[in-house]
Amino acid sequence: MAGYSVIKHKDKEIHLFDYRGCGDEEVIRIMTRANKIMERNDPEELYYIADFTGLTISKTVVNFLNSEETVRASKRAKRGAVIGVEGLKKI
């Protein structure tokens, strides 16, 4: 199920950004939402998981991942995990 959800674990909120089965436009839409969520949450309370299982990422998505807004937002998290990345290939 692609999209965004919150998981409660040991009195902590973990933000799950699920990109499984998404096309480029949907990935960028979810990432834009993720950036906004990360910007408005307290960094000491911000935990996230990004699930890229089975996803092939285009150069457009890579460029968005490397954008200043996305890099800044991801650095605000106390802890983060990315799952489903099998390897990096030359684009």
PDB file of N, CA and C in Angstrom:
ATOM      1  N   MET A   1       0.839  -1.175   0.000  1.00  0.00           N
ATOM      2  CA  MET A   1       0.000   0.000   0.000  1.00  0.00           C
ATOM      3  C   MET A   1       0.890   1.246   0.000  1.00  0.00           C
ATOM      4  N   ALA A   2       1.000   1.885  -1.115  1.00  0.00           N
ATOM      5  CA  ALA A   2       1.837   3.082  -1.237  1.00  0.00           C
ATOM      6  C   ALA A   2       1.186   4.255  -0.514  1.00  0.00           C
ATOM      7  N   GLY A   3       2.041   5.121   0.011  1.00  0.00           N
ATOM      8  CA  GLY A   3       1.531   6.315   0.665  1.00  0.00           C
ATOM      9  C   GLY A   3       2.221   6.591   1.981  1.00  0.00           C
ATOM     10  N   TYR A   4       1.462   7.165   2.904  1.00  0.00           N
ATOM     11  CA  TYR A   4       2.004   7.609   4.185  1.00  0.00           C
ATOM     12  C   TYR A   4       1.146   7.078   5.319  1.00  0.00           C
ATOM     13  N   SER A   5       1.791   6.638   6.376  1.00  0.00           N
ATOM     14  CA  SER A   5       1.068   6.242   7.581  1.00  0.00           C
ATOM     15  C   SER A   5       1.975   6.453   8.787  1.00  0.00           C
ATOM     16  N   VAL A   6       1.369   6.390   9.964  1.00  0.00           N
ATOM     17  CA  VAL A   6       2.110   6.541  11.211  1.00  0.00           C
ATOM     18  C   VAL A   6       1.952   5.257  12.005  1.00  0.00           C
ATOM     19  N   ILE A   7       3.077   4.742  12.487  1.00  0.00           N
ATOM     20  CA  ILE A   7       3.095   3.547  13.315  1.00  0.00           C
ATOM     21  C   ILE A   7       3.438   3.980  14.734  1.00  0.00           C
ATOM     22  N   LYS A   8       2.698   3.507  15.718  1.00  0.00           N
ATOM     23  CA  LYS A   8       3.000   3.789  17.125  1.00  0.00           C
ATOM     24  C   LYS A   8       3.779   2.603  17.684  1.00  0.00           C
ATOM     25  N   HIS A   9       4.936   2.899  18.285  1.00  0.00           N
ATOM     26  CA  HIS A   9       5.770   1.852  18.879  1.00  0.00           C
ATOM     27  C   HIS A   9       6.475   2.415  20.105  1.00  0.00           C
ATOM     28  N   LYS A  10       6.216   1.809  21.275  1.00  0.00           N
ATOM     29  CA  LYS A  10       6.832   2.243  22.528  1.00  0.00           C
ATOM     30  C   LYS A  10       6.701   3.754  22.743  1.00  0.00           C
ATOM     31  N   ASP A  11       5.503   4.243  22.638  1.00  0.00           N
ATOM     32  CA  ASP A  11       5.193   5.665  22.835  1.00  0.00           C
ATOM     33  C   ASP A  11       5.888   6.596  21.846  1.00  0.00           C
ATOM     34  N   LYS A  12       6.344   6.075  20.733  1.00  0.00           N
ATOM     35  CA  LYS A  12       6.973   6.882  19.690  1.00  0.00           C
ATOM     36  C   LYS A  12       6.124   6.770  18.422  1.00  0.00           C
ATOM     37  N   GLU A  13       6.127   7.847  17.647  1.00  0.00           N
ATOM     38  CA  GLU A  13       5.484   7.828  16.339  1.00  0.00           C
ATOM     39  C   GLU A  13       6.556   7.617  15.284  1.00  0.00           C
ATOM     40  N   ILE A  14       6.360   6.611  14.452  1.00  0.00           N
ATOM     41  CA  ILE A  14       7.282   6.342  13.347  1.00  0.00           C
ATOM     42  C   ILE A  14       6.520   6.623  12.061  1.00  0.00           C
ATOM     43  N   HIS A  15       7.051   7.524  11.271  1.00  0.00           N
ATOM     44  CA  HIS A  15       6.420   7.899  10.008  1.00  0.00           C
ATOM     45  C   HIS A  15       6.888   6.917   8.931  1.00  0.00           C
ATOM     46  N   LEU A  16       5.931   6.253   8.289  1.00  0.00           N
ATOM     47  CA  LEU A  16       6.235   5.287   7.232  1.00  0.00           C
ATOM     48  C   LEU A  16       5.861   5.897   5.891  1.00  0.00           C
ATOM     49  N   PHE A  17       6.876   6.045   5.045  1.00  0.00           N
ATOM     50  CA  PHE A  17       6.675   6.526   3.681  1.00  0.00           C
ATOM     51  C   PHE A  17       6.875   5.331   2.766  1.00  0.00           C
ATOM     52  N   ASP A  18       5.781   4.846   2.184  1.00  0.00           N
ATOM     53  CA  ASP A  18       5.778   3.600   1.416  1.00  0.00           C
ATOM     54  C   ASP A  18       5.705   3.921  -0.080  1.00  0.00           C
ATOM     55  N   TYR A  19       6.771   3.580  -0.785  1.00  0.00           N
ATOM     56  CA  TYR A  19       6.862   3.876  -2.220  1.00  0.00           C
ATOM     57  C   TYR A  19       6.681   2.631  -3.087  1.00  0.00           C
ATOM     58  N   ARG A  20       6.358   1.504  -2.498  1.00  0.00           N
ATOM     59  CA  ARG A  20       6.237   0.254  -3.254  1.00  0.00           C
ATOM     60  C   ARG A  20       5.199   0.380  -4.367  1.00  0.00           C
ATOM     61  N   GLY A  21       5.604  -0.006  -5.566  1.00  0.00           N
ATOM     62  CA  GLY A  21       4.684  -0.010  -6.699  1.00  0.00           C
ATOM     63  C   GLY A  21       4.352   1.342  -7.292  1.00  0.00           C
ATOM     64  N   CYS A  22       5.065   2.384  -6.904  1.00  0.00           N
ATOM     65  CA  CYS A  22       4.763   3.733  -7.386  1.00  0.00           C
ATOM     66  C   CYS A  22       5.521   4.069  -8.667  1.00  0.00           C
ATOM     67  N   GLY A  23       4.924   4.918  -9.467  1.00  0.00           N
ATOM     68  CA  GLY A  23       5.605   5.515 -10.606  1.00  0.00           C
ATOM     69  C   GLY A  23       6.295   6.797 -10.150  1.00  0.00           C
ATOM     70  N   ASP A  24       7.029   7.427 -11.050  1.00  0.00           N
ATOM     71  CA  ASP A  24       7.797   8.634 -10.716  1.00  0.00           C
ATOM     72  C   ASP A  24       6.947   9.736 -10.090  1.00  0.00           C
ATOM     73  N   GLU A  25       5.795  10.025 -10.683  1.00  0.00           N
ATOM     74  CA  GLU A  25       4.957  11.117 -10.180  1.00  0.00           C
ATOM     75  C   GLU A  25       4.478  10.836  -8.758  1.00  0.00           C
ATOM     76  N   GLU A  26       4.092   9.599  -8.504  1.00  0.00           N
ATOM     77  CA  GLU A  26       3.608   9.228  -7.170  1.00  0.00           C
ATOM     78  C   GLU A  26       4.752   9.279  -6.144  1.00  0.00           C
ATOM     79  N   VAL A  27       5.941   8.823  -6.535  1.00  0.00           N
ATOM     80  CA  VAL A  27       7.104   8.884  -5.636  1.00  0.00           C
ATOM     81  C   VAL A  27       7.390  10.335  -5.257  1.00  0.00           C
ATOM     82  N   ILE A  28       7.410  11.212  -6.225  1.00  0.00           N
ATOM     83  CA  ILE A  28       7.694  12.627  -5.954  1.00  0.00           C
ATOM     84  C   ILE A  28       6.586  13.247  -5.109  1.00  0.00           C
ATOM     85  N   ARG A  29       5.337  12.868  -5.347  1.00  0.00           N
ATOM     86  CA  ARG A  29       4.219  13.378  -4.546  1.00  0.00           C
ATOM     87  C   ARG A  29       4.384  12.962  -3.078  1.00  0.00           C
ATOM     88  N   ILE A  30       4.720  11.687  -2.834  1.00  0.00           N
ATOM     89  CA  ILE A  30       4.900  11.207  -1.458  1.00  0.00           C
ATOM     90  C   ILE A  30       6.125  11.858  -0.825  1.00  0.00           C
ATOM     91  N   MET A  31       7.210  12.017  -1.589  1.00  0.00           N
ATOM     92  CA  MET A  31       8.416  12.659  -1.052  1.00  0.00           C
ATOM     93  C   MET A  31       8.163  14.125  -0.693  1.00  0.00           C
ATOM     94  N   THR A  32       7.372  14.802  -1.495  1.00  0.00           N
ATOM     95  CA  THR A  32       7.028  16.192  -1.193  1.00  0.00           C
ATOM     96  C   THR A  32       6.254  16.262   0.117  1.00  0.00           C
ATOM     97  N   ARG A  33       5.320  15.349   0.291  1.00  0.00           N
ATOM     98  CA  ARG A  33       4.566  15.277   1.555  1.00  0.00           C
ATOM     99  C   ARG A  33       5.494  14.929   2.716  1.00  0.00           C
ATOM    100  N   ALA A  34       6.414  13.992   2.492  1.00  0.00           N
ATOM    101  CA  ALA A  34       7.377  13.613   3.533  1.00  0.00           C
ATOM    102  C   ALA A  34       8.217  14.813   3.958  1.00  0.00           C
ATOM    103  N   ASN A  35       8.677  15.589   3.000  1.00  0.00           N
ATOM    104  CA  ASN A  35       9.475  16.787   3.318  1.00  0.00           C
ATOM    105  C   ASN A  35       8.697  17.742   4.220  1.00  0.00           C
ATOM    106  N   LYS A  36       7.430  17.964   3.900  1.00  0.00           N
ATOM    107  CA  LYS A  36       6.595  18.869   4.695  1.00  0.00           C
ATOM    108  C   LYS A  36       6.381  18.329   6.109  1.00  0.00           C
ATOM    109  N   ILE A  37       6.138  17.034   6.220  1.00  0.00           N
ATOM    110  CA  ILE A  37       5.939  16.407   7.529  1.00  0.00           C
ATOM    111  C   ILE A  37       7.211  16.516   8.361  1.00  0.00           C
ATOM    112  N   MET A  38       8.354  16.264   7.751  1.00  0.00           N
ATOM    113  CA  MET A  38       9.627  16.313   8.473  1.00  0.00           C
ATOM    114  C   MET A  38       9.977  17.733   8.905  1.00  0.00           C
ATOM    115  N   GLU A  39       9.629  18.708   8.089  1.00  0.00           N
ATOM    116  CA  GLU A  39       9.925  20.106   8.422  1.00  0.00           C
ATOM    117  C   GLU A  39       9.100  20.604   9.613  1.00  0.00           C
ATOM    118  N   ARG A  40       7.896  20.091   9.770  1.00  0.00           N
ATOM    119  CA  ARG A  40       7.036  20.622  10.833  1.00  0.00           C
ATOM    120  C   ARG A  40       7.083  19.809  12.131  1.00  0.00           C
ATOM    121  N   ASN A  41       7.852  18.725  12.169  1.00  0.00           N
ATOM    122  CA  ASN A  41       7.966  17.923  13.377  1.00  0.00           C
ATOM    123  C   ASN A  41       9.252  18.230  14.127  1.00  0.00           C
ATOM    124  N   ASP A  42       9.215  18.032  15.433  1.00  0.00           N
ATOM    125  CA  ASP A  42      10.367  18.233  16.300  1.00  0.00           C
ATOM    126  C   ASP A  42      11.449  17.200  15.950  1.00  0.00           C
ATOM    127  N   PRO A  43      12.666  17.640  15.610  1.00  0.00           N
ATOM    128  CA  PRO A  43      13.726  16.707  15.235  1.00  0.00           C
ATOM    129  C   PRO A  43      14.038  15.665  16.310  1.00  0.00           C
ATOM    130  N   GLU A  44      13.861  16.004  17.565  1.00  0.00           N
ATOM    131  CA  GLU A  44      14.132  15.053  18.647  1.00  0.00           C
ATOM    132  C   GLU A  44      13.065  13.961  18.754  1.00  0.00           C
ATOM    133  N   GLU A  45      11.967  14.157  18.057  1.00  0.00           N
ATOM    134  CA  GLU A  45      10.852  13.204  18.116  1.00  0.00           C
ATOM    135  C   GLU A  45      10.578  12.563  16.748  1.00  0.00           C
ATOM    136  N   LEU A  46      11.432  12.813  15.768  1.00  0.00           N
ATOM    137  CA  LEU A  46      11.143  12.410  14.392  1.00  0.00           C
ATOM    138  C   LEU A  46      11.871  11.116  14.015  1.00  0.00           C
ATOM    139  N   TYR A  47      11.073  10.089  13.777  1.00  0.00           N
ATOM    140  CA  TYR A  47      11.575   8.791  13.329  1.00  0.00           C
ATOM    141  C   TYR A  47      10.844   8.454  12.030  1.00  0.00           C
ATOM    142  N   TYR A  48      11.571   7.884  11.065  1.00  0.00           N
ATOM    143  CA  TYR A  48      10.896   7.526   9.813  1.00  0.00           C
ATOM    144  C   TYR A  48      11.467   6.264   9.202  1.00  0.00           C
ATOM    145  N   ILE A  49      10.638   5.623   8.383  1.00  0.00           N
ATOM    146  CA  ILE A  49      11.042   4.491   7.557  1.00  0.00           C
ATOM    147  C   ILE A  49      10.583   4.809   6.136  1.00  0.00           C
ATOM    148  N   ALA A  50      11.468   4.645   5.180  1.00  0.00           N
ATOM    149  CA  ALA A  50      11.119   4.799   3.763  1.00  0.00           C
ATOM    150  C   ALA A  50      11.278   3.429   3.108  1.00  0.00           C
ATOM    151  N   ASP A  51      10.210   2.915   2.526  1.00  0.00           N
ATOM    152  CA  ASP A  51      10.219   1.583   1.914  1.00  0.00           C
ATOM    153  C   ASP A  51      10.212   1.708   0.390  1.00  0.00           C
ATOM    154  N   PHE A  52      11.335   1.337  -0.216  1.00  0.00           N
ATOM    155  CA  PHE A  52      11.491   1.395  -1.667  1.00  0.00           C
ATOM    156  C   PHE A  52      11.487   0.000  -2.301  1.00  0.00           C
ATOM    157  N   THR A  53      10.958  -0.996  -1.610  1.00  0.00           N
ATOM    158  CA  THR A  53      10.980  -2.378  -2.075  1.00  0.00           C
ATOM    159  C   THR A  53      10.403  -2.502  -3.486  1.00  0.00           C
ATOM    160  N   GLY A  54      11.194  -3.115  -4.370  1.00  0.00           N
ATOM    161  CA  GLY A  54      10.747  -3.392  -5.730  1.00  0.00           C
ATOM    162  C   GLY A  54      10.641  -2.200  -6.650  1.00  0.00           C
ATOM    163  N   LEU A  55      11.157  -1.070  -6.227  1.00  0.00           N
ATOM    164  CA  LEU A  55      11.014   0.158  -7.010  1.00  0.00           C
ATOM    165  C   LEU A  55      12.245   0.404  -7.875  1.00  0.00           C
ATOM    166  N   THR A  56      12.019   0.795  -9.101  1.00  0.00           N
ATOM    167  CA  THR A  56      13.091   1.255  -9.975  1.00  0.00           C
ATOM    168  C   THR A  56      12.984   2.767 -10.030  1.00  0.00           C
ATOM    169  N   ILE A  57      14.056   3.434  -9.651  1.00  0.00           N
ATOM    170  CA  ILE A  57      14.030   4.892  -9.545  1.00  0.00           C
ATOM    171  C   ILE A  57      14.668   5.517 -10.783  1.00  0.00           C
ATOM    172  N   SER A  58      13.977   6.495 -11.346  1.00  0.00           N
ATOM    173  CA  SER A  58      14.468   7.195 -12.533  1.00  0.00           C
ATOM    174  C   SER A  58      15.390   8.340 -12.137  1.00  0.00           C
ATOM    175  N   LYS A  59      16.021   8.918 -13.131  1.00  0.00           N
ATOM    176  CA  LYS A  59      16.897  10.072 -12.897  1.00  0.00           C
ATOM    177  C   LYS A  59      16.103  11.256 -12.333  1.00  0.00           C
ATOM    178  N   THR A  60      14.861  11.419 -12.738  1.00  0.00           N
ATOM    179  CA  THR A  60      14.014  12.490 -12.228  1.00  0.00           C
ATOM    180  C   THR A  60      13.846  12.355 -10.713  1.00  0.00           C
ATOM    181  N   VAL A  61      13.597  11.144 -10.246  1.00  0.00           N
ATOM    182  CA  VAL A  61      13.425  10.896  -8.815  1.00  0.00           C
ATOM    183  C   VAL A  61      14.757  11.084  -8.078  1.00  0.00           C
ATOM    184  N   VAL A  62      15.848  10.616  -8.661  1.00  0.00           N
ATOM    185  CA  VAL A  62      17.171  10.799  -8.051  1.00  0.00           C
ATOM    186  C   VAL A  62      17.471  12.288  -7.889  1.00  0.00           C
ATOM    187  N   ASN A  63      17.177  13.070  -8.897  1.00  0.00           N
ATOM    188  CA  ASN A  63      17.390  14.518  -8.805  1.00  0.00           C
ATOM    189  C   ASN A  63      16.555  15.128  -7.684  1.00  0.00           C
ATOM    190  N   PHE A  64      15.307  14.658  -7.527  1.00  0.00           N
ATOM    191  CA  PHE A  64      14.461  15.157  -6.441  1.00  0.00           C
ATOM    192  C   PHE A  64      15.032  14.741  -5.081  1.00  0.00           C
ATOM    193  N   LEU A  65      15.518  13.500  -4.987  1.00  0.00           N
ATOM    194  CA  LEU A  65      16.142  13.024  -3.742  1.00  0.00           C
ATOM    195  C   LEU A  65      17.344  13.874  -3.352  1.00  0.00           C
ATOM    196  N   ASN A  66      18.076  14.349  -4.333  1.00  0.00           N
ATOM    197  CA  ASN A  66      19.274  15.146  -4.081  1.00  0.00           C
ATOM    198  C   ASN A  66      18.987  16.641  -3.949  1.00  0.00           C
ATOM    199  N   SER A  67      17.725  17.035  -4.051  1.00  0.00           N
ATOM    200  CA  SER A  67      17.382  18.457  -3.953  1.00  0.00           C
ATOM    201  C   SER A  67      17.645  18.954  -2.532  1.00  0.00           C
ATOM    202  N   GLU A  68      17.906  20.225  -2.426  1.00  0.00           N
ATOM    203  CA  GLU A  68      18.219  20.838  -1.128  1.00  0.00           C
ATOM    204  C   GLU A  68      17.100  20.611  -0.116  1.00  0.00           C
ATOM    205  N   GLU A  69      15.860  20.736  -0.571  1.00  0.00           N
ATOM    206  CA  GLU A  69      14.704  20.572   0.327  1.00  0.00           C
ATOM    207  C   GLU A  69      14.654  19.159   0.915  1.00  0.00           C
ATOM    208  N   THR A  70      14.865  18.147   0.080  1.00  0.00           N
ATOM    209  CA  THR A  70      14.795  16.763   0.548  1.00  0.00           C
ATOM    210  C   THR A  70      15.961  16.423   1.465  1.00  0.00           C
ATOM    211  N   VAL A  71      17.158  16.860   1.118  1.00  0.00           N
ATOM    212  CA  VAL A  71      18.330  16.605   1.956  1.00  0.00           C
ATOM    213  C   VAL A  71      18.160  17.274   3.317  1.00  0.00           C
ATOM    214  N   ARG A  72      17.713  18.514   3.333  1.00  0.00           N
ATOM    215  CA  ARG A  72      17.512  19.248   4.591  1.00  0.00           C
ATOM    216  C   ARG A  72      16.459  18.557   5.457  1.00  0.00           C
ATOM    217  N   ALA A  73      15.365  18.124   4.852  1.00  0.00           N
ATOM    218  CA  ALA A  73      14.287  17.475   5.602  1.00  0.00           C
ATOM    219  C   ALA A  73      14.760  16.158   6.212  1.00  0.00           C
ATOM    220  N   SER A  74      15.498  15.361   5.455  1.00  0.00           N
ATOM    221  CA  SER A  74      15.942  14.066   5.974  1.00  0.00           C
ATOM    222  C   SER A  74      16.953  14.207   7.103  1.00  0.00           C
ATOM    223  N   LYS A  75      17.710  15.287   7.112  1.00  0.00           N
ATOM    224  CA  LYS A  75      18.689  15.510   8.180  1.00  0.00           C
ATOM    225  C   LYS A  75      18.027  15.929   9.494  1.00  0.00           C
ATOM    226  N   ARG A  76      16.756  16.305   9.452  1.00  0.00           N
ATOM    227  CA  ARG A  76      16.045  16.721  10.665  1.00  0.00           C
ATOM    228  C   ARG A  76      15.647  15.539  11.534  1.00  0.00           C
ATOM    229  N   ALA A  77      15.658  14.342  11.014  1.00  0.00           N
ATOM    230  CA  ALA A  77      15.181  13.179  11.761  1.00  0.00           C
ATOM    231  C   ALA A  77      16.202  12.714  12.798  1.00  0.00           C
ATOM    232  N   LYS A  78      15.669  12.294  13.934  1.00  0.00           N
ATOM    233  CA  LYS A  78      16.533  11.703  14.964  1.00  0.00           C
ATOM    234  C   LYS A  78      17.048  10.358  14.466  1.00  0.00           C
ATOM    235  N   ARG A  79      16.163   9.566  13.862  1.00  0.00           N
ATOM    236  CA  ARG A  79      16.529   8.274  13.292  1.00  0.00           C
ATOM    237  C   ARG A  79      15.710   8.046  12.027  1.00  0.00           C
ATOM    238  N   GLY A  80      16.336   7.432  11.056  1.00  0.00           N
ATOM    239  CA  GLY A  80      15.642   7.089   9.829  1.00  0.00           C
ATOM    240  C   GLY A  80      16.180   5.798   9.261  1.00  0.00           C
ATOM    241  N   ALA A  81      15.340   5.096   8.541  1.00  0.00           N
ATOM    242  CA  ALA A  81      15.754   3.851   7.898  1.00  0.00           C
ATOM    243  C   ALA A  81      15.168   3.793   6.500  1.00  0.00           C
ATOM    244  N   VAL A  82      15.968   3.297   5.581  1.00  0.00           N
ATOM    245  CA  VAL A  82      15.520   3.086   4.211  1.00  0.00           C
ATOM    246  C   VAL A  82      15.611   1.591   3.958  1.00  0.00           C
ATOM    247  N   ILE A  83      14.502   1.004   3.529  1.00  0.00           N
ATOM    248  CA  ILE A  83      14.495  -0.430   3.255  1.00  0.00           C
ATOM    249  C   ILE A  83      14.132  -0.689   1.797  1.00  0.00           C
ATOM    250  N   GLY A  84      14.551  -1.856   1.308  1.00  0.00           N
ATOM    251  CA  GLY A  84      14.200  -2.264  -0.035  1.00  0.00           C
ATOM    252  C   GLY A  84      15.159  -1.818  -1.120  1.00  0.00           C
ATOM    253  N   VAL A  85      16.267  -1.195  -0.746  1.00  0.00           N
ATOM    254  CA  VAL A  85      17.260  -0.762  -1.737  1.00  0.00           C
ATOM    255  C   VAL A  85      18.202  -1.931  -1.971  1.00  0.00           C
ATOM    256  N   GLU A  86      18.235  -2.438  -3.188  1.00  0.00           N
ATOM    257  CA  GLU A  86      19.044  -3.620  -3.493  1.00  0.00           C
ATOM    258  C   GLU A  86      20.410  -3.254  -4.033  1.00  0.00           C
ATOM    259  N   GLY A  87      20.583  -2.076  -4.525  1.00  0.00           N
ATOM    260  CA  GLY A  87      21.865  -1.686  -5.064  1.00  0.00           C
ATOM    261  C   GLY A  87      21.719  -0.434  -5.905  1.00  0.00           C
ATOM    262  N   LEU A  88      22.822   0.178  -6.142  1.00  0.00           N
ATOM    263  CA  LEU A  88      22.826   1.384  -6.958  1.00  0.00           C
ATOM    264  C   LEU A  88      23.340   1.027  -8.336  1.00  0.00           C
ATOM    265  N   LYS A  89      22.632   1.500  -9.333  1.00  0.00           N
ATOM    266  CA  LYS A  89      23.032   1.253 -10.710  1.00  0.00           C
ATOM    267  C   LYS A  89      23.283   2.574 -11.392  1.00  0.00           C
ATOM    268  N   LYS A  90      24.153   2.556 -12.352  1.00  0.00           N
ATOM    269  CA  LYS A  90      24.445   3.769 -13.098  1.00  0.00           C
ATOM    270  C   LYS A  90      23.229   4.148 -13.925  1.00  0.00           C
ATOM    271  N   ILE A  91      22.878   5.415 -13.860  1.00  0.00           N
ATOM    272  CA  ILE A  91      21.707   5.901 -14.613  1.00  0.00           C
ATOM    273  C   ILE A  91      22.205   6.633 -15.839  1.00  0.00           C
TER     274      ILE A  91
END
